[in-house]
Amino acid sequence: MEINGKRYRVTADIVTGAEIKRLAGAPSGWVVNRLVRGNAPDPEVADDERVPSIGRYRVRNPSVGASGGPTEHDPDRPYCKPDQSCCDFTCGN
């Protein structure tokens, strides 16, 4: 599984949004998005929602919008880290 560009090894086939946040070390109030190919929006994953562990996910501060963070086409786009620091200052923290 990949979260914010970092690979994680999990043994379960299915994980919840809350488990994804815990793996990433993110605060409980943050948002999980499942990254999808193409121009479709990246859907949010609720804390109790069950999703495949083989997916790619972004965990973000809710003030950063769903379009914030690296994508397949823009891997250098900044995103807020769980410690609320930024890769650069464009995210507004």
PDB file of N, CA and C in Angstrom:
ATOM      1  N   MET A   1       0.850  -1.163   0.000  1.00  0.00           N
ATOM      2  CA  MET A   1       0.000   0.000   0.000  1.00  0.00           C
ATOM      3  C   MET A   1       0.893   1.222   0.000  1.00  0.00           C
ATOM      4  N   GLU A   2       0.401   2.290  -0.595  1.00  0.00           N
ATOM      5  CA  GLU A   2       1.174   3.530  -0.674  1.00  0.00           C
ATOM      6  C   GLU A   2       0.356   4.658  -0.068  1.00  0.00           C
ATOM      7  N   ILE A   3       0.983   5.393   0.868  1.00  0.00           N
ATOM      8  CA  ILE A   3       0.337   6.535   1.506  1.00  0.00           C
ATOM      9  C   ILE A   3       1.272   7.727   1.379  1.00  0.00           C
ATOM     10  N   ASN A   4       0.787   8.783   0.734  1.00  0.00           N
ATOM     11  CA  ASN A   4       1.581  10.001   0.536  1.00  0.00           C
ATOM     12  C   ASN A   4       2.939   9.698  -0.083  1.00  0.00           C
ATOM     13  N   GLY A   5       2.951   8.755  -1.016  1.00  0.00           N
ATOM     14  CA  GLY A   5       4.167   8.421  -1.739  1.00  0.00           C
ATOM     15  C   GLY A   5       5.092   7.449  -1.029  1.00  0.00           C
ATOM     16  N   LYS A   6       4.749   7.041   0.187  1.00  0.00           N
ATOM     17  CA  LYS A   6       5.581   6.104   0.947  1.00  0.00           C
ATOM     18  C   LYS A   6       4.901   4.739   0.967  1.00  0.00           C
ATOM     19  N   ARG A   7       5.672   3.686   0.749  1.00  0.00           N
ATOM     20  CA  ARG A   7       5.119   2.327   0.740  1.00  0.00           C
ATOM     21  C   ARG A   7       5.063   1.754   2.152  1.00  0.00           C
ATOM     22  N   TYR A   8       3.957   1.064   2.415  1.00  0.00           N
ATOM     23  CA  TYR A   8       3.742   0.390   3.690  1.00  0.00           C
ATOM     24  C   TYR A   8       3.396  -1.060   3.402  1.00  0.00           C
ATOM     25  N   ARG A   9       3.917  -1.960   4.199  1.00  0.00           N
ATOM     26  CA  ARG A   9       3.584  -3.382   4.068  1.00  0.00           C
ATOM     27  C   ARG A   9       2.518  -3.705   5.108  1.00  0.00           C
ATOM     28  N   VAL A  10       1.371  -4.177   4.641  1.00  0.00           N
ATOM     29  CA  VAL A  10       0.297  -4.587   5.542  1.00  0.00           C
ATOM     30  C   VAL A  10      -0.096  -6.018   5.191  1.00  0.00           C
ATOM     31  N   THR A  11      -0.572  -6.748   6.177  1.00  0.00           N
ATOM     32  CA  THR A  11      -0.922  -8.149   5.939  1.00  0.00           C
ATOM     33  C   THR A  11      -2.389  -8.323   5.563  1.00  0.00           C
ATOM     34  N   ALA A  12      -3.228  -7.361   5.914  1.00  0.00           N
ATOM     35  CA  ALA A  12      -4.661  -7.456   5.608  1.00  0.00           C
ATOM     36  C   ALA A  12      -4.931  -7.059   4.158  1.00  0.00           C
ATOM     37  N   ASP A  13      -5.935  -7.679   3.557  1.00  0.00           N
ATOM     38  CA  ASP A  13      -6.345  -7.312   2.197  1.00  0.00           C
ATOM     39  C   ASP A  13      -7.206  -6.053   2.193  1.00  0.00           C
ATOM     40  N   ILE A  14      -7.872  -5.797   3.309  1.00  0.00           N
ATOM     41  CA  ILE A  14      -8.779  -4.657   3.443  1.00  0.00           C
ATOM     42  C   ILE A  14      -8.367  -3.850   4.669  1.00  0.00           C
ATOM     43  N   VAL A  15      -8.384  -2.520   4.552  1.00  0.00           N
ATOM     44  CA  VAL A  15      -8.087  -1.631   5.677  1.00  0.00           C
ATOM     45  C   VAL A  15      -9.167  -0.555   5.741  1.00  0.00           C
ATOM     46  N   THR A  16      -9.240   0.138   6.863  1.00  0.00           N
ATOM     47  CA  THR A  16     -10.198   1.234   7.001  1.00  0.00           C
ATOM     48  C   THR A  16      -9.474   2.569   6.848  1.00  0.00           C
ATOM     49  N   GLY A  17     -10.257   3.622   6.651  1.00  0.00           N
ATOM     50  CA  GLY A  17      -9.680   4.961   6.580  1.00  0.00           C
ATOM     51  C   GLY A  17      -8.924   5.307   7.852  1.00  0.00           C
ATOM     52  N   ALA A  18      -9.478   4.915   9.019  1.00  0.00           N
ATOM     53  CA  ALA A  18      -8.806   5.187  10.289  1.00  0.00           C
ATOM     54  C   ALA A  18      -7.461   4.464  10.370  1.00  0.00           C
ATOM     55  N   GLU A  19      -7.396   3.238   9.857  1.00  0.00           N
ATOM     56  CA  GLU A  19      -6.133   2.492   9.866  1.00  0.00           C
ATOM     57  C   GLU A  19      -5.100   3.158   8.949  1.00  0.00           C
ATOM     58  N   ILE A  20      -5.552   3.699   7.832  1.00  0.00           N
ATOM     59  CA  ILE A  20      -4.636   4.407   6.926  1.00  0.00           C
ATOM     60  C   ILE A  20      -4.047   5.621   7.640  1.00  0.00           C
ATOM     61  N   LYS A  21      -4.886   6.376   8.362  1.00  0.00           N
ATOM     62  CA  LYS A  21      -4.392   7.530   9.112  1.00  0.00           C
ATOM     63  C   LYS A  21      -3.364   7.099  10.155  1.00  0.00           C
ATOM     64  N   ARG A  22      -3.649   6.009  10.869  1.00  0.00           N
ATOM     65  CA  ARG A  22      -2.712   5.532  11.897  1.00  0.00           C
ATOM     66  C   ARG A  22      -1.369   5.143  11.277  1.00  0.00           C
ATOM     67  N   LEU A  23      -1.419   4.442  10.141  1.00  0.00           N
ATOM     68  CA  LEU A  23      -0.168   4.065   9.472  1.00  0.00           C
ATOM     69  C   LEU A  23       0.651   5.295   9.097  1.00  0.00           C
ATOM     70  N   ALA A  24      -0.035   6.330   8.629  1.00  0.00           N
ATOM     71  CA  ALA A  24       0.647   7.550   8.199  1.00  0.00           C
ATOM     72  C   ALA A  24       1.062   8.428   9.377  1.00  0.00           C
ATOM     73  N   GLY A  25       0.570   8.114  10.575  1.00  0.00           N
ATOM     74  CA  GLY A  25       0.886   8.946  11.740  1.00  0.00           C
ATOM     75  C   GLY A  25       0.140  10.266  11.718  1.00  0.00           C
ATOM     76  N   ALA A  26      -1.019  10.296  11.066  1.00  0.00           N
ATOM     77  CA  ALA A  26      -1.789  11.529  10.903  1.00  0.00           C
ATOM     78  C   ALA A  26      -2.806  11.702  12.024  1.00  0.00           C
ATOM     79  N   PRO A  27      -3.141  12.939  12.362  1.00  0.00           N
ATOM     80  CA  PRO A  27      -4.187  13.193  13.350  1.00  0.00           C
ATOM     81  C   PRO A  27      -5.536  12.639  12.881  1.00  0.00           C
ATOM     82  N   SER A  28      -6.394  12.301  13.822  1.00  0.00           N
ATOM     83  CA  SER A  28      -7.682  11.695  13.483  1.00  0.00           C
ATOM     84  C   SER A  28      -8.569  12.630  12.671  1.00  0.00           C
ATOM     85  N   GLY A  29      -8.385  13.928  12.770  1.00  0.00           N
ATOM     86  CA  GLY A  29      -9.211  14.885  12.038  1.00  0.00           C
ATOM     87  C   GLY A  29      -8.805  15.086  10.589  1.00  0.00           C
ATOM     88  N   TRP A  30      -7.732  14.438  10.174  1.00  0.00           N
ATOM     89  CA  TRP A  30      -7.282  14.601   8.797  1.00  0.00           C
ATOM     90  C   TRP A  30      -8.133  13.768   7.857  1.00  0.00           C
ATOM     91  N   VAL A  31      -7.963  13.960   6.568  1.00  0.00           N
ATOM     92  CA  VAL A  31      -8.786  13.337   5.543  1.00  0.00           C
ATOM     93  C   VAL A  31      -7.945  12.358   4.725  1.00  0.00           C
ATOM     94  N   VAL A  32      -8.554  11.226   4.366  1.00  0.00           N
ATOM     95  CA  VAL A  32      -7.909  10.242   3.486  1.00  0.00           C
ATOM     96  C   VAL A  32      -8.596  10.305   2.126  1.00  0.00           C
ATOM     97  N   ASN A  33      -7.799  10.385   1.070  1.00  0.00           N
ATOM     98  CA  ASN A  33      -8.314  10.289  -0.299  1.00  0.00           C
ATOM     99  C   ASN A  33      -7.695   9.077  -0.967  1.00  0.00           C
ATOM    100  N   ARG A  34      -8.509   8.342  -1.712  1.00  0.00           N
ATOM    101  CA  ARG A  34      -7.991   7.251  -2.542  1.00  0.00           C
ATOM    102  C   ARG A  34      -7.595   7.861  -3.874  1.00  0.00           C
ATOM    103  N   LEU A  35      -6.359   7.645  -4.286  1.00  0.00           N
ATOM    104  CA  LEU A  35      -5.872   8.220  -5.538  1.00  0.00           C
ATOM    105  C   LEU A  35      -6.364   7.381  -6.706  1.00  0.00           C
ATOM    106  N   VAL A  36      -6.964   8.052  -7.669  1.00  0.00           N
ATOM    107  CA  VAL A  36      -7.480   7.375  -8.850  1.00  0.00           C
ATOM    108  C   VAL A  36      -6.786   7.937 -10.083  1.00  0.00           C
ATOM    109  N   ARG A  37      -6.693   7.115 -11.104  1.00  0.00           N
ATOM    110  CA  ARG A  37      -6.054   7.552 -12.356  1.00  0.00           C
ATOM    111  C   ARG A  37      -6.976   8.486 -13.119  1.00  0.00           C
ATOM    112  N   GLY A  38      -6.365   9.308 -13.939  1.00  0.00           N
ATOM    113  CA  GLY A  38      -7.138  10.192 -14.800  1.00  0.00           C
ATOM    114  C   GLY A  38      -7.535  11.479 -14.102  1.00  0.00           C
ATOM    115  N   ASN A  39      -8.531  12.138 -14.678  1.00  0.00           N
ATOM    116  CA  ASN A  39      -8.949  13.445 -14.195  1.00  0.00           C
ATOM    117  C   ASN A  39     -10.079  13.394 -13.183  1.00  0.00           C
ATOM    118  N   ALA A  40     -10.539  12.217 -12.825  1.00  0.00           N
ATOM    119  CA  ALA A  40     -11.621  12.096 -11.847  1.00  0.00           C
ATOM    120  C   ALA A  40     -11.127  12.553 -10.478  1.00  0.00           C
ATOM    121  N   PRO A  41     -12.021  13.130  -9.673  1.00  0.00           N
ATOM    122  CA  PRO A  41     -11.616  13.528  -8.323  1.00  0.00           C
ATOM    123  C   PRO A  41     -11.215  12.305  -7.494  1.00  0.00           C
ATOM    124  N   ASP A  42     -10.281  12.510  -6.579  1.00  0.00           N
ATOM    125  CA  ASP A  42      -9.847  11.438  -5.674  1.00  0.00           C
ATOM    126  C   ASP A  42     -10.866  11.342  -4.541  1.00  0.00           C
ATOM    127  N   PRO A  43     -11.632  10.254  -4.459  1.00  0.00           N
ATOM    128  CA  PRO A  43     -12.698  10.175  -3.456  1.00  0.00           C
ATOM    129  C   PRO A  43     -12.154  10.095  -2.030  1.00  0.00           C
ATOM    130  N   GLU A  44     -12.912  10.689  -1.109  1.00  0.00           N
ATOM    131  CA  GLU A  44     -12.553  10.604   0.299  1.00  0.00           C
ATOM    132  C   GLU A  44     -12.893   9.219   0.831  1.00  0.00           C
ATOM    133  N   VAL A  45     -12.108   8.771   1.792  1.00  0.00           N
ATOM    134  CA  VAL A  45     -12.320   7.488   2.457  1.00  0.00           C
ATOM    135  C   VAL A  45     -12.693   7.786   3.907  1.00  0.00           C
ATOM    136  N   ALA A  46     -13.893   7.410   4.319  1.00  0.00           N
ATOM    137  CA  ALA A  46     -14.348   7.638   5.695  1.00  0.00           C
ATOM    138  C   ALA A  46     -13.560   6.750   6.657  1.00  0.00           C
ATOM    139  N   ASP A  47     -13.521   7.153   7.919  1.00  0.00           N
ATOM    140  CA  ASP A  47     -12.775   6.390   8.921  1.00  0.00           C
ATOM    141  C   ASP A  47     -13.220   4.933   8.993  1.00  0.00           C
ATOM    142  N   ASP A  48     -14.521   4.684   8.853  1.00  0.00           N
ATOM    143  CA  ASP A  48     -15.030   3.311   8.967  1.00  0.00           C
ATOM    144  C   ASP A  48     -15.197   2.615   7.617  1.00  0.00           C
ATOM    145  N   GLU A  49     -14.802   3.293   6.551  1.00  0.00           N
ATOM    146  CA  GLU A  49     -14.910   2.697   5.211  1.00  0.00           C
ATOM    147  C   GLU A  49     -13.792   1.686   4.989  1.00  0.00           C
ATOM    148  N   ARG A  50     -14.147   0.566   4.386  1.00  0.00           N
ATOM    149  CA  ARG A  50     -13.178  -0.503   4.109  1.00  0.00           C
ATOM    150  C   ARG A  50     -12.739  -0.397   2.648  1.00  0.00           C
ATOM    151  N   VAL A  51     -11.423  -0.370   2.432  1.00  0.00           N
ATOM    152  CA  VAL A  51     -10.859  -0.220   1.093  1.00  0.00           C
ATOM    153  C   VAL A  51      -9.714  -1.222   0.904  1.00  0.00           C
ATOM    154  N   PRO A  52      -9.353  -1.531  -0.343  1.00  0.00           N
ATOM    155  CA  PRO A  52      -8.261  -2.482  -0.587  1.00  0.00           C
ATOM    156  C   PRO A  52      -6.920  -1.928  -0.106  1.00  0.00           C
ATOM    157  N   SER A  53      -6.125  -2.781   0.491  1.00  0.00           N
ATOM    158  CA  SER A  53      -4.817  -2.345   0.980  1.00  0.00           C
ATOM    159  C   SER A  53      -3.795  -2.198  -0.142  1.00  0.00           C
ATOM    160  N   ILE A  54      -4.119  -2.625  -1.344  1.00  0.00           N
ATOM    161  CA  ILE A  54      -3.168  -2.493  -2.448  1.00  0.00           C
ATOM    162  C   ILE A  54      -3.267  -1.132  -3.125  1.00  0.00           C
ATOM    163  N   GLY A  55      -4.133  -0.250  -2.638  1.00  0.00           N
ATOM    164  CA  GLY A  55      -4.342   1.042  -3.285  1.00  0.00           C
ATOM    165  C   GLY A  55      -3.298   2.074  -2.939  1.00  0.00           C
ATOM    166  N   ARG A  56      -3.499   3.249  -3.553  1.00  0.00           N
ATOM    167  CA  ARG A  56      -2.663   4.417  -3.293  1.00  0.00           C
ATOM    168  C   ARG A  56      -3.552   5.467  -2.637  1.00  0.00           C
ATOM    169  N   TYR A  57      -3.058   6.052  -1.540  1.00  0.00           N
ATOM    170  CA  TYR A  57      -3.864   6.964  -0.744  1.00  0.00           C
ATOM    171  C   TYR A  57      -3.079   8.220  -0.387  1.00  0.00           C
ATOM    172  N   ARG A  58      -3.817   9.283  -0.131  1.00  0.00           N
ATOM    173  CA  ARG A  58      -3.226  10.532   0.358  1.00  0.00           C
ATOM    174  C   ARG A  58      -3.924  10.850   1.668  1.00  0.00           C
ATOM    175  N   VAL A  59      -3.147  11.164   2.702  1.00  0.00           N
ATOM    176  CA  VAL A  59      -3.686  11.634   3.969  1.00  0.00           C
ATOM    177  C   VAL A  59      -3.300  13.102   4.055  1.00  0.00           C
ATOM    178  N   ARG A  60      -4.295  13.959   4.305  1.00  0.00           N
ATOM    179  CA  ARG A  60      -4.026  15.394   4.228  1.00  0.00           C
ATOM    180  C   ARG A  60      -4.781  16.158   5.308  1.00  0.00           C
ATOM    181  N   ASN A  61      -4.253  17.307   5.608  1.00  0.00           N
ATOM    182  CA  ASN A  61      -4.925  18.262   6.467  1.00  0.00           C
ATOM    183  C   ASN A  61      -6.190  18.695   5.734  1.00  0.00           C
ATOM    184  N   PRO A  62      -7.347  18.748   6.382  1.00  0.00           N
ATOM    185  CA  PRO A  62      -8.569  19.110   5.664  1.00  0.00           C
ATOM    186  C   PRO A  62      -8.535  20.513   5.065  1.00  0.00           C
ATOM    187  N   SER A  63      -7.639  21.373   5.534  1.00  0.00           N
ATOM    188  CA  SER A  63      -7.547  22.720   4.971  1.00  0.00           C
ATOM    189  C   SER A  63      -6.815  22.749   3.642  1.00  0.00           C
ATOM    190  N   VAL A  64      -6.194  21.618   3.263  1.00  0.00           N
ATOM    191  CA  VAL A  64      -5.430  21.547   2.004  1.00  0.00           C
ATOM    192  C   VAL A  64      -6.303  21.081   0.870  1.00  0.00           C
ATOM    193  N   GLY A  65      -7.160  20.960   0.439  1.00  0.00           N
ATOM    194  CA  GLY A  65      -8.060  20.448  -0.553  1.00  0.00           C
ATOM    195  C   GLY A  65      -7.652  19.107  -1.151  1.00  0.00           C
ATOM    196  N   ALA A  66      -8.574  18.468  -1.753  1.00  0.00           N
ATOM    197  CA  ALA A  66      -8.325  17.134  -2.311  1.00  0.00           C
ATOM    198  C   ALA A  66      -7.301  17.166  -3.428  1.00  0.00           C
ATOM    199  N   SER A  67      -7.133  18.317  -4.068  1.00  0.00           N
ATOM    200  CA  SER A  67      -6.175  18.369  -5.176  1.00  0.00           C
ATOM    201  C   SER A  67      -4.750  18.605  -4.691  1.00  0.00           C
ATOM    202  N   GLY A  68      -4.571  18.856  -3.395  1.00  0.00           N
ATOM    203  CA  GLY A  68      -3.228  19.069  -2.870  1.00  0.00           C
ATOM    204  C   GLY A  68      -2.449  17.773  -2.805  1.00  0.00           C
ATOM    205  N   GLY A  69      -1.157  17.856  -2.943  1.00  0.00           N
ATOM    206  CA  GLY A  69      -0.316  16.683  -2.811  1.00  0.00           C
ATOM    207  C   GLY A  69       0.103  16.105  -4.140  1.00  0.00           C
ATOM    208  N   PRO A  70       1.090  15.214  -4.107  1.00  0.00           N
ATOM    209  CA  PRO A  70       1.647  14.639  -5.319  1.00  0.00           C
ATOM    210  C   PRO A  70       0.614  13.805  -6.081  1.00  0.00           C
ATOM    211  N   THR A  71       0.737  13.814  -7.369  1.00  0.00           N
ATOM    212  CA  THR A  71      -0.089  12.970  -8.224  1.00  0.00           C
ATOM    213  C   THR A  71       0.834  12.244  -9.195  1.00  0.00           C
ATOM    214  N   GLU A  72       0.285  11.315  -9.932  1.00  0.00           N
ATOM    215  CA  GLU A  72       1.087  10.592 -10.919  1.00  0.00           C
ATOM    216  C   GLU A  72       1.676  11.552 -11.946  1.00  0.00           C
ATOM    217  N   HIS A  73       0.891  12.565 -12.344  1.00  0.00           N
ATOM    218  CA  HIS A  73       1.349  13.497 -13.369  1.00  0.00           C
ATOM    219  C   HIS A  73       2.151  14.665 -12.803  1.00  0.00           C
ATOM    220  N   ASP A  74       2.045  14.902 -11.491  1.00  0.00           N
ATOM    221  CA  ASP A  74       2.768  15.990 -10.846  1.00  0.00           C
ATOM    222  C   ASP A  74       3.345  15.489  -9.523  1.00  0.00           C
ATOM    223  N   PRO A  75       4.359  14.603  -9.577  1.00  0.00           N
ATOM    224  CA  PRO A  75       4.873  13.980  -8.357  1.00  0.00           C
ATOM    225  C   PRO A  75       5.557  14.948  -7.399  1.00  0.00           C
ATOM    226  N   ASP A  76       5.893  16.142  -7.847  1.00  0.00           N
ATOM    227  CA  ASP A  76       6.568  17.107  -6.984  1.00  0.00           C
ATOM    228  C   ASP A  76       5.609  18.096  -6.331  1.00  0.00           C
ATOM    229  N   ARG A  77       4.299  17.944  -6.573  1.00  0.00           N
ATOM    230  CA  ARG A  77       3.323  18.844  -5.950  1.00  0.00           C
ATOM    231  C   ARG A  77       3.400  18.658  -4.436  1.00  0.00           C
ATOM    232  N   PRO A  78       3.464  19.754  -3.660  1.00  0.00           N
ATOM    233  CA  PRO A  78       3.616  19.636  -2.208  1.00  0.00           C
ATOM    234  C   PRO A  78       2.344  19.141  -1.535  1.00  0.00           C
ATOM    235  N   TYR A  79       2.499  18.522  -0.398  1.00  0.00           N
ATOM    236  CA  TYR A  79       1.370  18.142   0.451  1.00  0.00           C
ATOM    237  C   TYR A  79       1.781  18.337   1.896  1.00  0.00           C
ATOM    238  N   CYS A  80       0.802  18.488   2.763  1.00  0.00           N
ATOM    239  CA  CYS A  80       1.116  18.654   4.179  1.00  0.00           C
ATOM    240  C   CYS A  80       1.424  17.304   4.783  1.00  0.00           C
ATOM    241  N   LYS A  81       2.453  17.262   5.567  1.00  0.00           N
ATOM    242  CA  LYS A  81       2.856  16.033   6.244  1.00  0.00           C
ATOM    243  C   LYS A  81       2.054  15.889   7.538  1.00  0.00           C
ATOM    244  N   PRO A  82       1.981  14.694   8.097  1.00  0.00           N
ATOM    245  CA  PRO A  82       1.240  14.510   9.350  1.00  0.00           C
ATOM    246  C   PRO A  82       1.702  15.411  10.486  1.00  0.00           C
ATOM    247  N   ASP A  83       2.970  15.855  10.469  1.00  0.00           N
ATOM    248  CA  ASP A  83       3.435  16.747  11.535  1.00  0.00           C
ATOM    249  C   ASP A  83       3.082  18.207  11.239  1.00  0.00           C
ATOM    250  N   GLN A  84       2.245  18.430  10.232  1.00  0.00           N
ATOM    251  CA  GLN A  84       1.739  19.729   9.801  1.00  0.00           C
ATOM    252  C   GLN A  84       2.820  20.635   9.237  1.00  0.00           C
ATOM    253  N   SER A  85       3.937  20.069   8.802  1.00  0.00           N
ATOM    254  CA  SER A  85       4.929  20.838   8.075  1.00  0.00           C
ATOM    255  C   SER A  85       4.663  20.626   6.585  1.00  0.00           C
ATOM    256  N   CYS A  86       5.233  21.459   5.772  1.00  0.00           N
ATOM    257  CA  CYS A  86       4.991  21.347   4.334  1.00  0.00           C
ATOM    258  C   CYS A  86       6.290  21.061   3.603  1.00  0.00           C
ATOM    259  N   CYS A  87       6.132  20.480   2.423  1.00  0.00           N
ATOM    260  CA  CYS A  87       7.288  20.295   1.560  1.00  0.00           C
ATOM    261  C   CYS A  87       7.781  21.642   1.068  1.00  0.00           C
ATOM    262  N   ASP A  88       6.886  22.593   0.912  1.00  0.00           N
ATOM    263  CA  ASP A  88       7.231  23.992   0.663  1.00  0.00           C
ATOM    264  C   ASP A  88       6.095  24.829   1.239  1.00  0.00           C
ATOM    265  N   PHE A  89       6.057  26.099   0.958  1.00  0.00           N
ATOM    266  CA  PHE A  89       5.099  26.958   1.635  1.00  0.00           C
ATOM    267  C   PHE A  89       3.817  27.201   0.840  1.00  0.00           C
ATOM    268  N   THR A  90       3.573  26.460  -0.211  1.00  0.00           N
ATOM    269  CA  THR A  90       2.378  26.707  -1.021  1.00  0.00           C
ATOM    270  C   THR A  90       1.117  26.152  -0.403  1.00  0.00           C
ATOM    271  N   CYS A  91       1.210  25.290   0.586  1.00  0.00           N
ATOM    272  CA  CYS A  91      -0.003  24.691   1.147  1.00  0.00           C
ATOM    273  C   CYS A  91      -0.652  25.569   2.205  1.00  0.00           C
ATOM    274  N   GLY A  92       0.000  26.595   2.665  1.00  0.00           N
ATOM    275  CA  GLY A  92      -0.629  27.533   3.569  1.00  0.00           C
ATOM    276  C   GLY A  92      -0.468  27.280   5.054  1.00  0.00           C
ATOM    277  N   ASN A  93       0.277  26.260   5.443  1.00  0.00           N
ATOM    278  CA  ASN A  93       0.501  26.049   6.886  1.00  0.00           C
ATOM    279  C   ASN A  93       1.631  26.900   7.393  1.00  0.00           C
TER     280      ASN A  93
END
